């Protein structure tokens, strides 16, 4: 389970792994402060996260297309 929390809210999501996984925890306030100091860091992190999400969505789309073929 993943939990995203801030001072005013907490949001949770469930994830499953079929292989080895790593969990990464960020301090939200510390990360926000780093982004304020270095906007380039924020851009790099967001791009890499977007690339990973797109790759996973494409893999899922390919698997679904194969299943329906």
N, C-alpha and C. Protein backbone atom coordinates (compact mmCIF):
# COMPACT_ATOMS: atom_id res chain seq x y z
N UNK A 1 0.84 -1.17 0.00
CA UNK A 1 0.00 0.00 0.00
C UNK A 1 0.88 1.24 0.00
N UNK A 2 0.49 2.21 -0.76
CA UNK A 2 1.19 3.48 -0.80
C UNK A 2 0.34 4.53 -0.11
N UNK A 3 0.96 5.37 0.66
CA UNK A 3 0.24 6.44 1.33
C UNK A 3 0.92 7.76 0.99
N UNK A 4 0.12 8.67 0.51
CA UNK A 4 0.60 10.02 0.22
C UNK A 4 -0.05 10.91 1.26
N UNK A 5 0.75 11.55 2.06
CA UNK A 5 0.17 12.34 3.15
C UNK A 5 0.75 13.74 3.16
N UNK A 6 -0.08 14.66 3.53
CA UNK A 6 0.34 16.03 3.78
C UNK A 6 -0.29 16.45 5.09
N UNK A 7 -0.07 17.66 5.48
CA UNK A 7 -0.62 18.13 6.74
C UNK A 7 -2.14 18.11 6.74
N UNK A 8 -2.74 18.29 5.56
CA UNK A 8 -4.19 18.41 5.51
C UNK A 8 -4.92 17.18 4.97
N UNK A 9 -4.21 16.23 4.38
CA UNK A 9 -4.89 15.08 3.80
C UNK A 9 -3.98 13.86 3.71
N UNK A 10 -4.59 12.71 3.61
CA UNK A 10 -3.87 11.46 3.37
C UNK A 10 -4.63 10.68 2.31
N UNK A 11 -3.93 10.23 1.30
CA UNK A 11 -4.52 9.47 0.22
C UNK A 11 -3.78 8.14 0.16
N UNK A 12 -4.52 7.04 0.00
CA UNK A 12 -3.85 5.74 -0.08
C UNK A 12 -4.17 5.07 -1.41
N UNK A 13 -3.29 4.18 -1.81
CA UNK A 13 -3.47 3.40 -3.03
C UNK A 13 -2.87 2.03 -2.80
N UNK A 14 -3.35 1.06 -3.52
CA UNK A 14 -2.84 -0.30 -3.38
C UNK A 14 -2.06 -0.67 -4.63
N UNK A 15 -0.98 -1.40 -4.44
CA UNK A 15 -0.16 -1.86 -5.56
C UNK A 15 0.26 -3.30 -5.31
N UNK A 16 0.45 -4.03 -6.40
CA UNK A 16 0.95 -5.40 -6.30
C UNK A 16 2.22 -5.53 -7.12
N UNK A 17 3.11 -6.36 -6.62
CA UNK A 17 4.34 -6.61 -7.33
C UNK A 17 4.46 -8.10 -7.59
N UNK A 18 4.84 -8.45 -8.80
CA UNK A 18 5.05 -9.84 -9.14
C UNK A 18 6.52 -10.19 -9.17
N UNK A 19 7.34 -9.30 -8.66
CA UNK A 19 8.78 -9.53 -8.62
C UNK A 19 9.39 -8.71 -7.49
N UNK A 20 10.68 -8.66 -7.49
CA UNK A 20 11.39 -7.89 -6.46
C UNK A 20 11.01 -6.41 -6.59
N UNK A 21 10.84 -5.77 -5.46
CA UNK A 21 10.44 -4.37 -5.45
C UNK A 21 11.22 -3.59 -4.39
N UNK A 22 11.22 -2.31 -4.57
CA UNK A 22 11.81 -1.42 -3.57
C UNK A 22 10.78 -0.36 -3.22
N UNK A 23 10.77 0.04 -1.98
CA UNK A 23 9.89 1.10 -1.53
C UNK A 23 10.74 2.32 -1.24
N UNK A 24 10.29 3.44 -1.74
CA UNK A 24 11.01 4.69 -1.53
C UNK A 24 10.08 5.64 -0.77
N UNK A 25 10.60 6.21 0.27
CA UNK A 25 9.83 7.17 1.06
C UNK A 25 10.50 8.52 0.98
N UNK A 26 9.70 9.53 0.68
CA UNK A 26 10.19 10.90 0.63
C UNK A 26 9.53 11.70 1.74
N UNK A 27 10.28 12.60 2.30
CA UNK A 27 9.73 13.57 3.23
C UNK A 27 9.12 14.68 2.37
N UNK A 28 7.80 14.82 2.42
CA UNK A 28 7.10 15.75 1.53
C UNK A 28 7.59 17.19 1.70
N UNK A 29 7.75 17.62 2.92
CA UNK A 29 8.20 19.00 3.14
C UNK A 29 9.62 19.20 2.65
N UNK A 30 10.48 18.23 2.91
CA UNK A 30 11.86 18.33 2.45
C UNK A 30 11.95 18.33 0.93
N UNK A 31 11.16 17.47 0.29
CA UNK A 31 11.17 17.40 -1.17
C UNK A 31 10.62 18.69 -1.76
N UNK A 32 9.56 19.21 -1.19
CA UNK A 32 9.00 20.48 -1.66
C UNK A 32 10.03 21.60 -1.54
N UNK A 33 10.77 21.61 -0.46
CA UNK A 33 11.81 22.63 -0.26
C UNK A 33 12.92 22.48 -1.29
N UNK A 34 13.31 21.24 -1.58
CA UNK A 34 14.32 21.02 -2.63
C UNK A 34 13.82 21.52 -3.98
N UNK A 35 12.55 21.27 -4.28
CA UNK A 35 11.98 21.74 -5.54
C UNK A 35 11.96 23.26 -5.61
N UNK A 36 11.70 23.90 -4.51
CA UNK A 36 11.70 25.38 -4.48
C UNK A 36 13.10 25.92 -4.76
N UNK A 37 14.11 25.22 -4.26
CA UNK A 37 15.49 25.66 -4.45
C UNK A 37 16.01 25.31 -5.84
N UNK A 38 15.51 24.20 -6.42
CA UNK A 38 16.02 23.74 -7.70
C UNK A 38 14.86 23.22 -8.56
N UNK A 39 14.29 24.10 -9.36
CA UNK A 39 13.16 23.72 -10.21
C UNK A 39 13.56 22.66 -11.22
N UNK A 40 14.81 22.65 -11.62
CA UNK A 40 15.29 21.64 -12.56
C UNK A 40 15.18 20.24 -11.99
N UNK A 41 15.41 20.09 -10.71
CA UNK A 41 15.28 18.80 -10.05
C UNK A 41 13.84 18.31 -10.12
N UNK A 42 12.92 19.20 -9.88
CA UNK A 42 11.50 18.85 -9.97
C UNK A 42 11.14 18.38 -11.37
N UNK A 43 11.63 19.08 -12.37
CA UNK A 43 11.35 18.73 -13.76
C UNK A 43 11.91 17.34 -14.10
N UNK A 44 13.13 17.07 -13.69
CA UNK A 44 13.75 15.77 -13.96
C UNK A 44 12.97 14.65 -13.29
N UNK A 45 12.60 14.83 -12.04
CA UNK A 45 11.86 13.80 -11.31
C UNK A 45 10.50 13.55 -11.95
N UNK A 46 9.79 14.60 -12.30
CA UNK A 46 8.47 14.45 -12.92
C UNK A 46 8.58 13.78 -14.28
N UNK A 47 9.57 14.15 -15.07
CA UNK A 47 9.75 13.52 -16.38
C UNK A 47 10.03 12.03 -16.25
N UNK A 48 10.90 11.67 -15.32
CA UNK A 48 11.23 10.25 -15.13
C UNK A 48 10.02 9.46 -14.64
N UNK A 49 9.24 10.06 -13.76
CA UNK A 49 8.03 9.38 -13.28
C UNK A 49 7.03 9.23 -14.43
N UNK A 50 6.89 10.26 -15.26
CA UNK A 50 5.98 10.19 -16.40
C UNK A 50 6.44 9.14 -17.39
N UNK A 51 7.74 9.07 -17.66
CA UNK A 51 8.26 8.06 -18.58
C UNK A 51 8.00 6.65 -18.06
N UNK A 52 8.17 6.44 -16.77
CA UNK A 52 7.91 5.12 -16.18
C UNK A 52 6.43 4.77 -16.30
N UNK A 53 5.56 5.73 -16.02
CA UNK A 53 4.12 5.48 -16.11
C UNK A 53 3.71 5.18 -17.55
N UNK A 54 4.24 5.93 -18.51
CA UNK A 54 3.92 5.70 -19.92
C UNK A 54 4.40 4.33 -20.36
N UNK A 55 5.59 3.95 -19.94
CA UNK A 55 6.12 2.64 -20.30
C UNK A 55 5.24 1.52 -19.76
N UNK A 56 4.81 1.65 -18.53
CA UNK A 56 3.95 0.64 -17.92
C UNK A 56 2.58 0.59 -18.60
N UNK A 57 2.04 1.75 -18.94
CA UNK A 57 0.75 1.77 -19.63
C UNK A 57 0.86 1.15 -21.02
N UNK A 58 1.96 1.42 -21.72
CA UNK A 58 2.16 0.81 -23.03
C UNK A 58 2.29 -0.70 -22.93
N UNK A 59 2.99 -1.18 -21.92
CA UNK A 59 3.12 -2.62 -21.72
C UNK A 59 1.75 -3.25 -21.44
N UNK A 60 0.95 -2.59 -20.64
CA UNK A 60 -0.39 -3.08 -20.35
C UNK A 60 -1.25 -3.10 -21.60
N UNK A 61 -1.17 -2.04 -22.39
CA UNK A 61 -1.93 -1.96 -23.64
C UNK A 61 -1.53 -3.10 -24.58
N UNK A 62 -0.24 -3.37 -24.68
CA UNK A 62 0.25 -4.45 -25.54
C UNK A 62 -0.27 -5.81 -25.05
N UNK A 63 -0.25 -6.02 -23.76
CA UNK A 63 -0.74 -7.28 -23.19
C UNK A 63 -2.25 -7.44 -23.45
N UNK A 64 -3.00 -6.37 -23.28
CA UNK A 64 -4.43 -6.43 -23.53
C UNK A 64 -4.73 -6.69 -25.00
N UNK A 65 -3.98 -6.05 -25.89
CA UNK A 65 -4.18 -6.25 -27.33
C UNK A 65 -3.90 -7.70 -27.70
N UNK A 66 -2.86 -8.28 -27.11
CA UNK A 66 -2.52 -9.69 -27.39
C UNK A 66 -3.60 -10.62 -26.85
N UNK A 67 -4.17 -10.29 -25.72
CA UNK A 67 -5.19 -11.13 -25.12
C UNK A 67 -6.48 -11.11 -25.95
N UNK A 68 -6.76 -9.99 -26.60
CA UNK A 68 -7.99 -9.86 -27.38
C UNK A 68 -7.81 -10.25 -28.84
N UNK A 69 -6.59 -10.57 -29.24
CA UNK A 69 -6.32 -10.92 -30.65
C UNK A 69 -6.74 -12.34 -30.96
